[in-house]
Amino acid sequence: MSTPQFSRRAVLRGFGTALALPWLERFIPAASGGARAPGVGANGHPLRLIYVYVPNGVHMPEWTPSAEGRDYELPWILQPLEPMRRQVSVVSGLVHDKGRANGDGPGDHARAAAVFLTGVQPLKRDGLVSLGISADQVAANAVGEATRFRSLELGVDPSGNSGQCDSGYACAYSSNIAWQSATTPADKEVNPRLLFDRIFRGGSGSDATAAEAERMKRRRSVLDFVQEDARRLRAGLSNADRAKLEEYFSGVRELERRIEAASESVVAEVGDDLRPAGTPRDYGEHLTLLRELLVLALRTDRTRVATLMFANEGSDRAYRNLGISDGHHSISHHGNDEAKQESIRKINRFHIEHLAALLQALEASEEGSGNLLDHSMLVFGSGISDGNRHNHDELPVLVCGRGGGLTPGSHLRAPKGTPMMNLHLELLERMGAGVASLGDSTGRFNPGQ
């Protein structure tokens, strides 16, 4: 019998289960002299574009390096990035003019998230919505057909897409950074278990539902249902690919175990609408599961475009794990109170610790002669600079990864008044999804100098 052929987008299948495969040497396409497709790097590997958002700004005195160029010291908030500093650029001076009131009065938090990837002044009228397409969705329109999911939108807090939340602005503005159109946000997935199902289950048909019930009943892994396909695949792999496959399988099993542990109970006989949520009560563990699932989705080429909101804009979450019982938004209005400023510093550093863990996981995922981070462009930031001032200039922005030919590792200062949308335009161009303009862009800003 001839060895089965597995395409790059192949999955392992069995009894209603479809398990995506990681990138293996076997899948590298033969060199071609033609123009490369959107979302594909010069080396034939997929390019990824990832945006990570944090609310309420940061404590800028402990964020901005004192020196520019490659020889600078990381401030206290950014110090968890030290092991990854040559994969990270600090970009200072970018501006979101449409985050400012511009005659619309209060509502800086709603505007901050709304403009982060759109650069469009949000409509403020009776909870109505009018904005613009976001940079990630421009990329998804260009490269999304190559993957199962055009894009993935993740977050810890659910999207509130009805009603008013910030001084008359629609709640949708505060809880979404990804917008498919002027009136349609791309809703976030906040439940790790449901996200796992989307990535690893074979859809929502009757076979998939039966397989899920069977797995829950027998406490079986998705891997147990694809063993025959896996056996046939291993036969045609190199030793390096076999080792990578086993490492990947181990990661899937561990995530299954942790997601299951996050559920209060397991019920096998009910439909999906009554399944346990599988959402951890602990914020840090919730964020950890989401970012690890994001890495798996990128690693298996389920998507090449993703957004992750650490929390909705204006979030008043208490960080009791850091000894902070007051809400994040409340203490961001610190009024120069030293104790509140210290709390903000701790929250900001906690977020950076999670970013560092995400970058390290991407770097640890080998892909060809490099790794996922080498083939990714990741932007981390906020639509507000100083949460106390509610200003939208001097935004806190990090650009990470070497995808698209980026050369990170510096502290760069953009020319005065440079719109943040100019950065997005540059990354879209590198992604192979270039457009002439987006939002209030005035040109392209290169963060890879």
Protein backbone atom coordinates (compact mmCIF):
# COMPACT_ATOMS: atom_id res chain seq x y z
CA MET A 1 0.00 0.00 0.00
CA SER A 2 1.37 3.45 -0.87
CA THR A 3 2.15 5.95 1.86
CA PRO A 4 -0.71 8.45 2.25
CA GLN A 5 0.02 12.02 1.21
CA PHE A 6 -0.51 14.70 3.84
CA SER A 7 -0.85 18.29 2.65
CA ARG A 8 0.33 21.28 4.68
CA ARG A 9 -3.20 21.86 5.94
CA ALA A 10 -3.68 18.19 6.76
CA VAL A 11 -5.30 17.07 9.97
CA LEU A 12 -5.35 13.75 11.74
CA ARG A 13 -8.87 12.37 11.73
CA GLY A 14 -10.87 9.75 13.57
CA PHE A 15 -14.48 9.40 14.77
CA GLY A 16 -15.58 12.98 14.31
CA THR A 17 -12.28 14.41 15.53
CA ALA A 18 -9.89 16.57 13.51
CA LEU A 19 -6.52 17.40 15.02
CA ALA A 20 -4.40 20.03 13.28
CA LEU A 21 -0.74 19.23 12.72
CA PRO A 22 2.22 21.43 13.64
CA TRP A 23 4.57 22.69 10.97
CA LEU A 24 6.86 19.84 9.92
CA GLU A 25 9.82 19.76 7.56
CA ARG A 26 7.76 17.49 5.34
CA PHE A 27 5.36 20.35 4.61
CA ILE A 28 7.91 22.91 3.38
CA PRO A 29 6.97 23.65 -0.24
CA ALA A 30 9.47 23.40 -3.02
CA ALA A 31 11.17 26.65 -3.93
CA SER A 32 9.35 28.68 -6.54
CA GLY A 33 10.52 31.58 -8.62
CA GLY A 34 7.10 33.21 -8.60
CA ALA A 35 5.85 35.96 -6.30
CA ARG A 36 5.15 34.76 -2.79
CA ALA A 37 1.56 34.55 -1.62
CA PRO A 38 0.20 36.95 1.03
CA GLY A 39 0.92 35.69 4.52
CA VAL A 40 4.01 33.73 3.42
CA GLY A 41 7.58 34.74 4.18
CA ALA A 42 10.53 34.71 1.81
CA ASN A 43 11.58 31.32 3.23
CA GLY A 44 8.22 29.72 2.44
CA HIS A 45 7.00 29.68 6.05
CA PRO A 46 3.74 31.33 7.11
CA LEU A 47 3.86 34.86 8.51
CA ARG A 48 1.79 35.69 11.58
CA LEU A 49 0.39 39.04 12.67
CA ILE A 50 -0.65 39.29 16.31
CA TYR A 51 -1.99 42.23 18.32
CA VAL A 52 -2.10 42.18 22.14
CA TYR A 53 -4.00 44.91 23.99
CA VAL A 54 -3.86 46.05 27.61
CA PRO A 55 -6.33 48.57 29.10
CA ASN A 56 -5.96 51.78 31.09
CA GLY A 57 -2.52 52.78 29.83
CA VAL A 58 0.70 52.25 31.79
CA HIS A 59 2.95 54.01 34.28
CA MET A 60 5.09 55.74 31.67
CA PRO A 61 8.05 56.75 33.90
CA GLU A 62 8.77 53.04 34.43
CA TRP A 63 8.04 52.11 30.82
CA THR A 64 10.04 54.44 28.57
CA PRO A 65 13.80 53.73 28.29
CA SER A 66 16.05 56.74 28.87
CA ALA A 67 18.26 55.99 25.86
CA GLU A 68 17.47 55.25 22.23
CA GLY A 69 19.07 52.74 19.88
CA ARG A 70 20.12 49.19 20.75
CA ASP A 71 22.14 49.97 23.88
CA TYR A 72 19.50 50.90 26.42
CA GLU A 73 18.37 49.61 29.79
CA LEU A 74 14.93 48.12 30.18
CA PRO A 75 12.88 50.06 32.76
CA TRP A 76 11.46 48.13 35.72
CA ILE A 77 8.10 47.36 34.09
CA LEU A 78 9.78 45.91 30.99
CA GLN A 79 12.53 43.96 32.76
CA PRO A 80 10.74 40.57 32.40
CA LEU A 81 11.55 40.94 28.68
CA GLU A 82 15.31 40.90 29.29
CA PRO A 83 15.79 37.30 28.02
CA MET A 84 13.90 38.32 24.84
CA ARG A 85 15.22 41.86 24.40
CA ARG A 86 16.74 41.16 20.96
CA GLN A 87 13.27 40.09 19.80
CA VAL A 88 11.55 43.24 21.10
CA SER A 89 11.62 46.90 20.06
CA VAL A 90 10.23 49.64 22.27
CA VAL A 91 8.53 52.25 20.07
CA SER A 92 7.90 55.68 21.59
CA GLY A 93 6.07 58.72 20.28
CA LEU A 94 3.19 57.17 18.33
CA VAL A 95 -0.16 58.98 18.50
CA HIS A 96 -3.86 58.11 18.21
CA ASP A 97 -5.43 61.47 17.39
CA LYS A 98 -8.86 59.83 17.00
CA GLY A 99 -8.60 58.64 20.58
CA ARG A 100 -8.83 62.28 21.62
CA ALA A 101 -12.19 63.93 22.21
CA ASN A 102 -12.09 66.08 19.05
CA GLY A 103 -15.29 67.73 20.23
CA ASP A 104 -16.97 64.58 21.53
CA GLY A 105 -16.38 65.14 25.24
CA PRO A 106 -15.46 62.39 27.73
CA GLY A 107 -15.09 58.72 26.85
CA ASP A 108 -11.35 58.20 26.46
CA HIS A 109 -11.49 54.51 27.36
CA ALA A 110 -14.08 53.66 24.72
CA ARG A 111 -12.14 55.63 22.13
CA ALA A 112 -8.81 54.06 23.16
CA ALA A 113 -9.82 50.49 22.30
CA ALA A 114 -11.93 51.54 19.32
CA VAL A 115 -9.10 53.36 17.54
CA PHE A 116 -6.25 50.98 18.46
CA LEU A 117 -6.45 49.08 15.15
CA THR A 118 -8.85 51.30 13.19
CA GLY A 119 -7.61 54.88 13.55
CA VAL A 120 -11.21 56.06 13.13
CA GLN A 121 -13.12 58.40 15.45
CA PRO A 122 -15.97 56.29 16.89
CA LEU A 123 -19.52 57.58 16.62
CA LYS A 124 -20.88 58.82 19.93
CA ARG A 125 -24.66 58.82 19.71
CA ASP A 126 -27.23 56.89 21.75
CA GLY A 127 -25.14 53.72 21.87
CA LEU A 128 -25.00 53.47 18.07
CA VAL A 129 -21.90 52.05 16.41
CA SER A 130 -19.91 53.42 13.49
CA LEU A 131 -16.17 52.92 13.26
CA GLY A 132 -14.05 51.25 10.56
CA ILE A 133 -12.29 48.03 9.62
CA SER A 134 -9.32 47.15 11.84
CA ALA A 135 -5.77 46.36 10.70
CA ASP A 136 -6.02 42.72 11.74
CA GLN A 137 -9.13 42.23 9.64
CA VAL A 138 -7.48 43.85 6.63
CA ALA A 139 -4.78 41.19 7.03
CA ALA A 140 -7.40 38.47 7.52
CA ASN A 141 -9.13 39.48 4.29
CA ALA A 142 -5.85 39.08 2.43
CA VAL A 143 -4.45 35.88 3.96
CA GLY A 144 -7.39 34.21 5.69
CA GLU A 145 -8.29 31.83 2.86
CA ALA A 146 -5.04 29.93 3.46
CA THR A 147 -6.10 28.78 6.94
CA ARG A 148 -9.14 27.27 8.62
CA PHE A 149 -9.78 30.46 10.61
CA ARG A 150 -9.43 33.84 8.92
CA SER A 151 -8.47 35.22 12.31
CA LEU A 152 -8.85 34.45 15.97
CA GLU A 153 -10.06 37.01 18.50
CA LEU A 154 -9.35 36.15 22.13
CA GLY A 155 -9.87 37.90 25.44
CA VAL A 156 -10.39 37.39 29.13
CA ASP A 157 -13.50 39.60 29.32
CA PRO A 158 -16.53 38.91 27.10
CA SER A 159 -17.57 41.35 24.40
CA GLY A 160 -20.43 43.59 25.47
CA ASN A 161 -21.95 44.60 22.17
CA SER A 162 -25.14 46.26 23.35
CA GLY A 163 -25.89 49.30 25.45
CA GLN A 164 -23.72 52.22 26.53
CA CYS A 165 -20.62 51.86 28.70
CA ASP A 166 -18.46 54.99 28.65
CA SER A 167 -20.01 58.45 28.65
CA GLY A 168 -22.54 57.58 25.95
CA TYR A 169 -20.31 55.44 23.74
CA ALA A 170 -21.52 51.98 22.73
CA CYS A 171 -20.15 49.17 24.89
CA ALA A 172 -18.84 47.48 21.74
CA TYR A 173 -16.08 50.07 21.52
CA SER A 174 -14.61 49.26 24.93
CA SER A 175 -14.67 45.50 24.52
CA ASN A 176 -13.38 44.98 20.98
CA ILE A 177 -10.26 45.93 19.05
CA ALA A 178 -11.05 43.75 16.00
CA TRP A 179 -13.65 45.16 13.60
CA GLN A 180 -14.81 43.42 10.43
CA SER A 181 -16.57 46.57 9.24
CA ALA A 182 -17.70 49.95 10.52
CA THR A 183 -20.60 48.36 12.38
CA THR A 184 -19.48 44.78 13.06
CA PRO A 185 -16.91 43.82 15.69
CA ALA A 186 -15.26 40.41 15.53
CA ASP A 187 -16.46 38.88 18.79
CA LYS A 188 -13.84 37.47 21.14
CA GLU A 189 -13.65 33.91 22.43
CA VAL A 190 -13.09 34.02 26.19
CA ASN A 191 -13.70 30.37 27.14
CA PRO A 192 -10.54 28.24 26.83
CA ARG A 193 -12.54 25.03 26.53
CA LEU A 194 -14.65 26.32 23.67
CA LEU A 195 -11.54 27.68 21.98
CA PHE A 196 -9.89 24.27 22.32
CA ASP A 197 -12.97 22.69 20.72
CA ARG A 198 -12.85 25.14 17.82
CA ILE A 199 -9.21 24.37 17.14
CA PHE A 200 -9.23 20.60 17.63
CA ARG A 201 -12.78 19.34 17.05
CA GLY A 202 -14.05 18.56 13.59
CA GLY A 203 -16.69 21.28 13.56
CA SER A 204 -20.13 21.18 15.17
CA GLY A 205 -21.78 18.36 13.20
CA SER A 206 -23.35 15.25 14.65
CA ASP A 207 -20.11 13.23 14.41
CA ALA A 208 -18.17 15.89 16.27
CA THR A 209 -20.82 16.12 18.99
CA ALA A 210 -20.86 12.33 19.38
CA ALA A 211 -17.07 12.25 19.56
CA GLU A 212 -17.06 14.91 22.26
CA ALA A 213 -19.61 13.00 24.32
CA GLU A 214 -17.56 9.81 23.92
CA ARG A 215 -14.35 11.56 24.98
CA MET A 216 -16.00 13.03 28.05
CA LYS A 217 -17.64 9.73 28.96
CA ARG A 218 -14.41 7.76 28.80
CA ARG A 219 -12.11 10.62 29.87
CA ARG A 220 -10.33 10.18 26.54
CA SER A 221 -8.03 12.65 24.79
CA VAL A 222 -8.63 13.90 21.27
CA LEU A 223 -5.34 12.13 20.51
CA ASP A 224 -6.89 8.74 21.30
CA PHE A 225 -9.28 9.17 18.35
CA VAL A 226 -6.62 9.89 15.72
CA GLN A 227 -4.07 7.19 16.51
CA GLU A 228 -4.44 5.33 13.20
CA ASP A 229 -3.83 8.47 11.17
CA ALA A 230 -0.95 9.39 13.45
CA ARG A 231 0.65 5.95 13.00
CA ARG A 232 0.55 6.30 9.21
CA LEU A 233 1.95 9.82 9.37
CA ARG A 234 4.90 8.83 11.60
CA ALA A 235 6.01 6.24 9.06
CA GLY A 236 6.95 8.93 6.57
CA LEU A 237 8.58 11.45 8.92
CA SER A 238 12.21 12.22 9.66
CA ASN A 239 13.52 11.70 13.19
CA ALA A 240 13.38 15.45 13.78
CA ASP A 241 9.74 15.65 12.66
CA ARG A 242 8.81 12.64 14.80
CA ALA A 243 10.32 14.30 17.86
CA LYS A 244 8.47 17.53 17.09
CA LEU A 245 5.19 15.63 16.66
CA GLU A 246 5.56 13.88 20.03
CA GLU A 247 6.36 17.17 21.73
CA TYR A 248 3.24 18.66 20.18
CA PHE A 249 1.07 15.73 21.27
CA SER A 250 2.37 16.11 24.83
CA GLY A 251 1.40 19.79 24.78
CA VAL A 252 -2.11 18.99 23.57
CA ARG A 253 -2.63 16.41 26.33
CA GLU A 254 -1.39 18.82 28.98
CA LEU A 255 -3.70 21.58 27.80
CA GLU A 256 -6.63 19.17 27.79
CA ARG A 257 -5.83 18.21 31.36
CA ARG A 258 -5.61 21.79 32.56
CA ILE A 259 -8.76 22.90 30.75
CA GLU A 260 -10.61 19.93 32.23
CA ALA A 261 -9.32 20.86 35.68
CA ALA A 262 -10.69 24.37 35.19
CA SER A 263 -14.21 22.95 34.89
CA GLU A 264 -16.18 22.51 38.07
CA SER A 265 -17.68 19.29 36.76
CA VAL A 266 -17.92 17.13 33.67
CA VAL A 267 -21.31 16.18 32.24
CA ALA A 268 -21.26 13.76 29.32
CA GLU A 269 -24.93 13.40 28.43
CA VAL A 270 -25.87 17.04 27.82
CA GLY A 271 -25.58 19.19 24.74
CA ASP A 272 -22.86 21.75 24.12
CA ASP A 273 -25.06 24.55 25.44
CA LEU A 274 -24.93 22.98 28.92
CA ARG A 275 -21.30 21.88 28.91
CA PRO A 276 -19.08 23.17 31.74
CA ALA A 277 -17.52 26.51 30.95
CA GLY A 278 -13.97 25.44 31.64
CA THR A 279 -13.02 29.04 32.44
CA PRO A 280 -10.61 29.41 35.37
CA ARG A 281 -11.60 31.73 38.18
CA ASP A 282 -7.97 32.81 38.47
CA TYR A 283 -7.18 35.63 36.03
CA GLY A 284 -3.56 34.60 35.56
CA GLU A 285 -4.43 30.99 34.75
CA HIS A 286 -7.19 32.15 32.38
CA LEU A 287 -4.72 34.35 30.54
CA THR A 288 -2.15 31.55 30.49
CA LEU A 289 -4.57 29.08 28.90
CA LEU A 290 -5.61 31.58 26.25
CA ARG A 291 -2.08 32.46 25.25
CA GLU A 292 -1.02 28.78 25.15
CA LEU A 293 -3.99 27.95 22.94
CA LEU A 294 -3.06 30.89 20.75
CA VAL A 295 0.44 29.48 20.30
CA LEU A 296 -1.03 26.09 19.35
CA ALA A 297 -3.37 27.71 16.83
CA LEU A 298 -0.46 29.55 15.23
CA ARG A 299 1.80 26.53 15.40
CA THR A 300 -0.72 24.36 13.55
CA ASP A 301 -1.38 27.13 11.02
CA ARG A 302 -5.04 27.26 12.02
CA THR A 303 -4.75 31.01 11.62
CA ARG A 304 -2.11 33.60 10.79
CA VAL A 305 -3.90 36.61 12.28
CA ALA A 306 -4.93 37.01 15.92
CA THR A 307 -5.84 39.54 18.58
CA LEU A 308 -5.72 39.07 22.35
CA MET A 309 -7.21 41.52 24.85
CA PHE A 310 -5.79 41.07 28.33
CA ALA A 311 -8.95 42.86 29.53
CA ASN A 312 -11.61 45.17 28.15
CA GLU A 313 -10.76 48.86 28.09
CA GLY A 314 -11.67 50.58 31.34
CA SER A 315 -11.48 47.26 33.21
CA ASP A 316 -11.73 47.67 36.96
CA ARG A 317 -10.42 44.20 37.75
CA ALA A 318 -8.74 43.76 41.14
CA TYR A 319 -5.37 41.98 41.07
CA ARG A 320 -5.55 40.19 44.38
CA ASN A 321 -2.77 37.84 43.30
CA LEU A 322 -0.54 40.92 43.46
CA GLY A 323 -2.01 42.08 46.78
CA ILE A 324 -4.12 44.75 45.00
CA SER A 325 -7.76 44.83 46.08
CA ASP A 326 -8.75 48.08 44.38
CA GLY A 327 -9.82 48.05 40.74
CA HIS A 328 -7.35 48.66 37.92
CA HIS A 329 -9.29 51.54 36.35
CA SER A 330 -9.89 53.20 39.69
CA ILE A 331 -6.24 53.25 40.71
CA SER A 332 -5.12 54.29 37.22
CA HIS A 333 -6.59 57.67 38.23
CA HIS A 334 -3.89 57.84 40.87
CA GLY A 335 -3.64 61.63 41.24
CA ASN A 336 0.08 61.14 41.95
CA ASP A 337 -0.69 59.04 45.01
CA GLU A 338 2.45 56.94 45.53
CA ALA A 339 0.66 53.82 46.75
CA LYS A 340 -1.67 53.79 43.74
CA GLN A 341 1.23 54.38 41.36
CA GLU A 342 3.05 51.43 42.89
CA SER A 343 -0.03 49.26 42.28
CA ILE A 344 -0.20 50.36 38.65
CA ARG A 345 3.48 49.52 38.20
CA LYS A 346 2.87 46.02 39.55
CA ILE A 347 -0.11 45.45 37.26
CA ASN A 348 1.84 46.67 34.23
CA ARG A 349 4.76 44.38 35.05
CA PHE A 350 2.40 41.44 35.56
CA HIS A 351 1.06 42.00 32.05
CA ILE A 352 4.61 42.14 30.69
CA GLU A 353 5.42 38.86 32.43
CA HIS A 354 2.58 37.25 30.45
CA LEU A 355 3.83 38.85 27.25
CA ALA A 356 7.32 37.49 27.95
CA ALA A 357 5.85 34.00 28.47
CA LEU A 358 3.98 34.28 25.15
CA LEU A 359 7.13 35.34 23.31
CA GLN A 360 9.16 32.56 24.91
CA ALA A 361 6.54 29.98 23.87
CA LEU A 362 6.63 31.27 20.30
CA GLU A 363 10.42 31.15 20.30
CA ALA A 364 10.42 27.61 21.71
CA SER A 365 8.19 26.39 18.84
CA GLU A 366 10.64 25.33 16.15
CA GLU A 367 9.65 25.91 12.55
CA GLY A 368 12.06 25.03 9.76
CA SER A 369 15.46 26.54 10.52
CA GLY A 370 13.88 29.06 12.91
CA ASN A 371 10.89 29.34 15.20
CA LEU A 372 7.40 30.85 15.37
CA LEU A 373 8.69 34.16 16.73
CA ASP A 374 11.09 34.44 13.79
CA HIS A 375 8.04 34.22 11.53
CA SER A 376 5.75 36.52 13.56
CA MET A 377 5.07 40.23 13.95
CA LEU A 378 3.48 40.99 17.33
CA VAL A 379 2.37 44.39 18.61
CA PHE A 380 1.71 44.89 22.32
CA GLY A 381 0.22 48.14 23.55
CA SER A 382 -2.64 50.31 24.71
CA GLY A 383 -4.72 53.11 23.21
CA ILE A 384 -4.06 55.24 26.28
CA SER A 385 -0.63 56.33 27.44
CA ASP A 386 -0.89 57.54 31.06
CA GLY A 387 -4.12 56.30 32.64
CA ASN A 388 -4.16 59.26 35.00
CA ARG A 389 -3.96 61.82 32.18
CA HIS A 390 -5.99 59.89 29.59
CA ASN A 391 -3.62 61.10 26.88
CA HIS A 392 -3.35 59.40 23.50
CA ASP A 393 0.14 60.50 22.50
CA GLU A 394 3.43 58.86 23.56
CA LEU A 395 1.59 55.54 23.42
CA PRO A 396 3.17 52.47 25.08
CA VAL A 397 4.01 50.19 22.15
CA LEU A 398 6.23 47.13 21.73
CA VAL A 399 6.92 45.46 18.38
CA CYS A 400 8.16 41.88 18.70
CA GLY A 401 9.43 39.15 16.40
CA ARG A 402 11.42 38.95 13.16
CA GLY A 403 8.58 38.14 10.79
CA GLY A 404 8.47 40.03 7.53
CA GLY A 405 12.13 40.97 7.86
CA LEU A 406 11.81 42.99 11.07
CA THR A 407 15.05 43.64 12.96
CA PRO A 408 13.95 44.17 16.57
CA GLY A 409 16.07 44.94 19.62
CA SER A 410 15.99 48.75 19.75
CA HIS A 411 14.29 51.66 21.43
CA LEU A 412 12.94 53.78 18.58
CA ARG A 413 11.31 57.19 18.69
CA ALA A 414 8.82 58.02 15.96
CA PRO A 415 8.81 61.53 14.49
CA LYS A 416 6.54 63.86 16.45
CA GLY A 417 2.86 63.34 15.66
CA THR A 418 3.28 60.00 13.84
CA PRO A 419 -0.09 58.19 13.79
CA MET A 420 0.01 54.65 15.17
CA MET A 421 -1.83 53.61 12.02
CA ASN A 422 1.43 54.23 10.13
CA LEU A 423 2.92 51.30 12.08
CA HIS A 424 -0.03 49.10 11.15
CA LEU A 425 0.36 50.06 7.48
CA GLU A 426 3.99 48.96 7.54
CA LEU A 427 3.19 45.60 9.12
CA LEU A 428 0.35 44.98 6.66
CA GLU A 429 2.77 45.63 3.81
CA ARG A 430 5.24 43.13 5.28
CA MET A 431 2.39 40.66 5.71
CA GLY A 432 1.60 40.88 2.01
CA ALA A 433 -1.69 42.61 2.82
CA GLY A 434 -0.68 46.17 2.03
CA VAL A 435 -3.26 48.92 1.51
CA ALA A 436 -2.80 52.55 0.51
CA SER A 437 -4.19 53.95 3.76
CA LEU A 438 -6.06 52.97 6.89
CA GLY A 439 -7.85 55.19 9.36
CA ASP A 440 -5.88 58.39 9.93
CA SER A 441 -2.61 57.05 8.52
CA THR A 442 -0.29 59.47 6.74
CA GLY A 443 2.29 56.96 5.48
CA ARG A 444 4.27 54.00 6.80
CA PHE A 445 6.43 53.87 9.92
CA ASN A 446 9.16 51.23 9.90
CA PRO A 447 9.77 49.69 13.36
CA GLY A 448 12.43 47.31 12.03
CA GLN A 449 15.32 49.74 11.67
